[in-house]
Amino acid sequence: MNFILGNSLWGVSMILFIWQFIFVSDVNRNFDIAGRSQNYMFGFVYWGSKAIILFADTINTTTVGIVAYLMMFIVFTAGFISVSNKTIKRTNTDLKF
């Protein structure tokens, strides 16, 4: 349940990003929604562009955005699993007499 709650803002923002930059033309794009969905992933854009350079000759900003969102998901998932494992280990050691 906590994993779903932690990723809810990520999921909504990624859906808005895909909607605004893949399914909507430039003329009909809502700049408020598009801007907010881009601002959410700015911390991972640098690493997303570095990952794209490994596999492609040119950089497409929409592709970098999607890769940045996927990197955010991987980092959050790794952190969630790490904390969950520490909690389980601590609980198991507390139960030993």
C-alpha atoms as a PDB file:
ATOM      1  CA  MET A   1       0.000   0.000   0.000  1.00  0.00           C
ATOM      2  CA  ASN A   2       2.810   2.442   0.863  1.00  0.00           C
ATOM      3  CA  PHE A   3       4.511   1.680  -2.437  1.00  0.00           C
ATOM      4  CA  ILE A   4       1.374   2.647  -4.356  1.00  0.00           C
ATOM      5  CA  LEU A   5       0.912   5.824  -2.326  1.00  0.00           C
ATOM      6  CA  GLY A   6       4.564   6.765  -2.785  1.00  0.00           C
ATOM      7  CA  ASN A   7       4.338   6.371  -6.542  1.00  0.00           C
ATOM      8  CA  SER A   8       0.898   7.942  -6.999  1.00  0.00           C
ATOM      9  CA  LEU A   9       2.229  11.446  -7.726  1.00  0.00           C
ATOM     10  CA  TRP A  10       4.858   9.932 -10.036  1.00  0.00           C
ATOM     11  CA  GLY A  11       2.210   7.962 -11.940  1.00  0.00           C
ATOM     12  CA  VAL A  12      -0.146  10.906 -12.346  1.00  0.00           C
ATOM     13  CA  SER A  13       2.672  13.165 -13.482  1.00  0.00           C
ATOM     14  CA  MET A  14       3.975  10.611 -15.995  1.00  0.00           C
ATOM     15  CA  ILE A  15       0.488  10.078 -17.420  1.00  0.00           C
ATOM     16  CA  LEU A  16       0.083  13.840 -17.835  1.00  0.00           C
ATOM     17  CA  PHE A  17       3.511  14.065 -19.485  1.00  0.00           C
ATOM     18  CA  ILE A  18       2.727  11.296 -21.986  1.00  0.00           C
ATOM     19  CA  TRP A  19      -0.695  12.789 -22.685  1.00  0.00           C
ATOM     20  CA  GLN A  20       0.640  16.300 -23.296  1.00  0.00           C
ATOM     21  CA  PHE A  21       3.778  15.438 -25.257  1.00  0.00           C
ATOM     22  CA  ILE A  22       2.764  12.345 -27.233  1.00  0.00           C
ATOM     23  CA  PHE A  23      -0.992  12.501 -27.789  1.00  0.00           C
ATOM     24  CA  VAL A  24      -1.589  16.274 -27.993  1.00  0.00           C
ATOM     25  CA  SER A  25      -0.271  18.462 -30.791  1.00  0.00           C
ATOM     26  CA  ASP A  26       1.849  21.520 -30.039  1.00  0.00           C
ATOM     27  CA  VAL A  27      -1.029  23.866 -30.865  1.00  0.00           C
ATOM     28  CA  ASN A  28      -3.483  22.222 -28.467  1.00  0.00           C
ATOM     29  CA  ARG A  29      -1.035  21.612 -25.599  1.00  0.00           C
ATOM     30  CA  ASN A  30      -1.990  22.955 -22.163  1.00  0.00           C
ATOM     31  CA  PHE A  31       1.173  24.708 -21.015  1.00  0.00           C
ATOM     32  CA  ASP A  32       0.262  24.571 -17.329  1.00  0.00           C
ATOM     33  CA  ILE A  33      -0.150  20.774 -17.333  1.00  0.00           C
ATOM     34  CA  ALA A  34       2.856  20.287 -19.619  1.00  0.00           C
ATOM     35  CA  GLY A  35       5.034  22.530 -17.460  1.00  0.00           C
ATOM     36  CA  ARG A  36       4.085  20.850 -14.200  1.00  0.00           C
ATOM     37  CA  SER A  37       4.722  17.389 -15.592  1.00  0.00           C
ATOM     38  CA  GLN A  38       8.152  18.532 -16.836  1.00  0.00           C
ATOM     39  CA  ASN A  39       9.087  20.229 -13.562  1.00  0.00           C
ATOM     40  CA  TYR A  40       8.450  17.037 -11.605  1.00  0.00           C
ATOM     41  CA  MET A  41      11.187  15.138 -13.456  1.00  0.00           C
ATOM     42  CA  PHE A  42      13.848  17.871 -13.789  1.00  0.00           C
ATOM     43  CA  GLY A  43      16.144  16.231 -11.236  1.00  0.00           C
ATOM     44  CA  PHE A  44      16.551  13.199 -13.486  1.00  0.00           C
ATOM     45  CA  VAL A  45      16.759  14.893 -16.900  1.00  0.00           C
ATOM     46  CA  TYR A  46      20.574  15.035 -16.837  1.00  0.00           C
ATOM     47  CA  TRP A  47      20.874  11.309 -16.182  1.00  0.00           C
ATOM     48  CA  GLY A  48      18.107  10.542 -18.654  1.00  0.00           C
ATOM     49  CA  SER A  49      19.964  12.404 -21.396  1.00  0.00           C
ATOM     50  CA  LYS A  50      23.185  10.554 -20.525  1.00  0.00           C
ATOM     51  CA  ALA A  51      21.337   7.240 -20.841  1.00  0.00           C
ATOM     52  CA  ILE A  52      19.859   8.262 -24.213  1.00  0.00           C
ATOM     53  CA  ILE A  53      23.317   9.189 -25.559  1.00  0.00           C
ATOM     54  CA  LEU A  54      24.429   5.590 -24.953  1.00  0.00           C
ATOM     55  CA  PHE A  55      21.784   4.218 -27.333  1.00  0.00           C
ATOM     56  CA  ALA A  56      21.021   6.966 -29.858  1.00  0.00           C
ATOM     57  CA  ASP A  57      22.816   9.580 -31.923  1.00  0.00           C
ATOM     58  CA  THR A  58      20.236  12.322 -31.369  1.00  0.00           C
ATOM     59  CA  ILE A  59      18.393  13.372 -28.248  1.00  0.00           C
ATOM     60  CA  ASN A  60      14.607  13.700 -28.359  1.00  0.00           C
ATOM     61  CA  THR A  61      13.274  15.661 -25.390  1.00  0.00           C
ATOM     62  CA  THR A  62      10.147  13.518 -25.059  1.00  0.00           C
ATOM     63  CA  THR A  63      12.260  10.365 -24.916  1.00  0.00           C
ATOM     64  CA  VAL A  64      14.520  11.945 -22.304  1.00  0.00           C
ATOM     65  CA  GLY A  65      11.437  12.780 -20.242  1.00  0.00           C
ATOM     66  CA  ILE A  66      10.148   9.221 -20.345  1.00  0.00           C
ATOM     67  CA  VAL A  67      13.583   7.814 -19.473  1.00  0.00           C
ATOM     68  CA  ALA A  68      13.854  10.319 -16.607  1.00  0.00           C
ATOM     69  CA  TYR A  69      10.477   9.167 -15.266  1.00  0.00           C
ATOM     70  CA  LEU A  70      11.567   5.530 -15.502  1.00  0.00           C
ATOM     71  CA  MET A  71      14.788   6.342 -13.647  1.00  0.00           C
ATOM     72  CA  MET A  72      12.751   8.039 -10.927  1.00  0.00           C
ATOM     73  CA  PHE A  73      10.662   4.882 -10.603  1.00  0.00           C
ATOM     74  CA  ILE A  74      13.773   2.684 -10.354  1.00  0.00           C
ATOM     75  CA  VAL A  75      15.348   4.895  -7.678  1.00  0.00           C
ATOM     76  CA  PHE A  76      12.134   5.019  -5.632  1.00  0.00           C
ATOM     77  CA  THR A  77      11.646   1.262  -5.935  1.00  0.00           C
ATOM     78  CA  ALA A  78      15.236   0.539  -4.861  1.00  0.00           C
ATOM     79  CA  GLY A  79      14.861   2.840  -1.857  1.00  0.00           C
ATOM     80  CA  PHE A  80      11.520   1.328  -0.914  1.00  0.00           C
ATOM     81  CA  ILE A  81      12.896  -2.228  -1.097  1.00  0.00           C
ATOM     82  CA  SER A  82      15.988  -1.242   0.897  1.00  0.00           C
ATOM     83  CA  VAL A  83      13.966   0.326   3.703  1.00  0.00           C
ATOM     84  CA  SER A  84      11.507  -2.585   3.697  1.00  0.00           C
ATOM     85  CA  ASN A  85      14.356  -5.083   4.057  1.00  0.00           C
ATOM     86  CA  LYS A  86      15.890  -3.111   6.938  1.00  0.00           C
ATOM     87  CA  THR A  87      12.515  -2.987   8.683  1.00  0.00           C
ATOM     88  CA  ILE A  88      12.034  -6.745   8.284  1.00  0.00           C
ATOM     89  CA  LYS A  89      15.561  -7.499   9.569  1.00  0.00           C
ATOM     90  CA  ARG A  90      15.114  -5.171  12.545  1.00  0.00           C
ATOM     91  CA  THR A  91      11.771  -6.767  13.392  1.00  0.00           C
ATOM     92  CA  ASN A  92      13.251 -10.269  13.175  1.00  0.00           C
ATOM     93  CA  THR A  93      16.182  -9.402  15.441  1.00  0.00           C
ATOM     94  CA  ASP A  94      13.854  -7.781  17.982  1.00  0.00           C
ATOM     95  CA  LEU A  95      11.874 -11.014  18.251  1.00  0.00           C
ATOM     96  CA  LYS A  96      14.919 -13.144  19.190  1.00  0.00           C
ATOM     97  CA  PHE A  97      15.445 -13.667  22.913  1.00  0.00           C
END
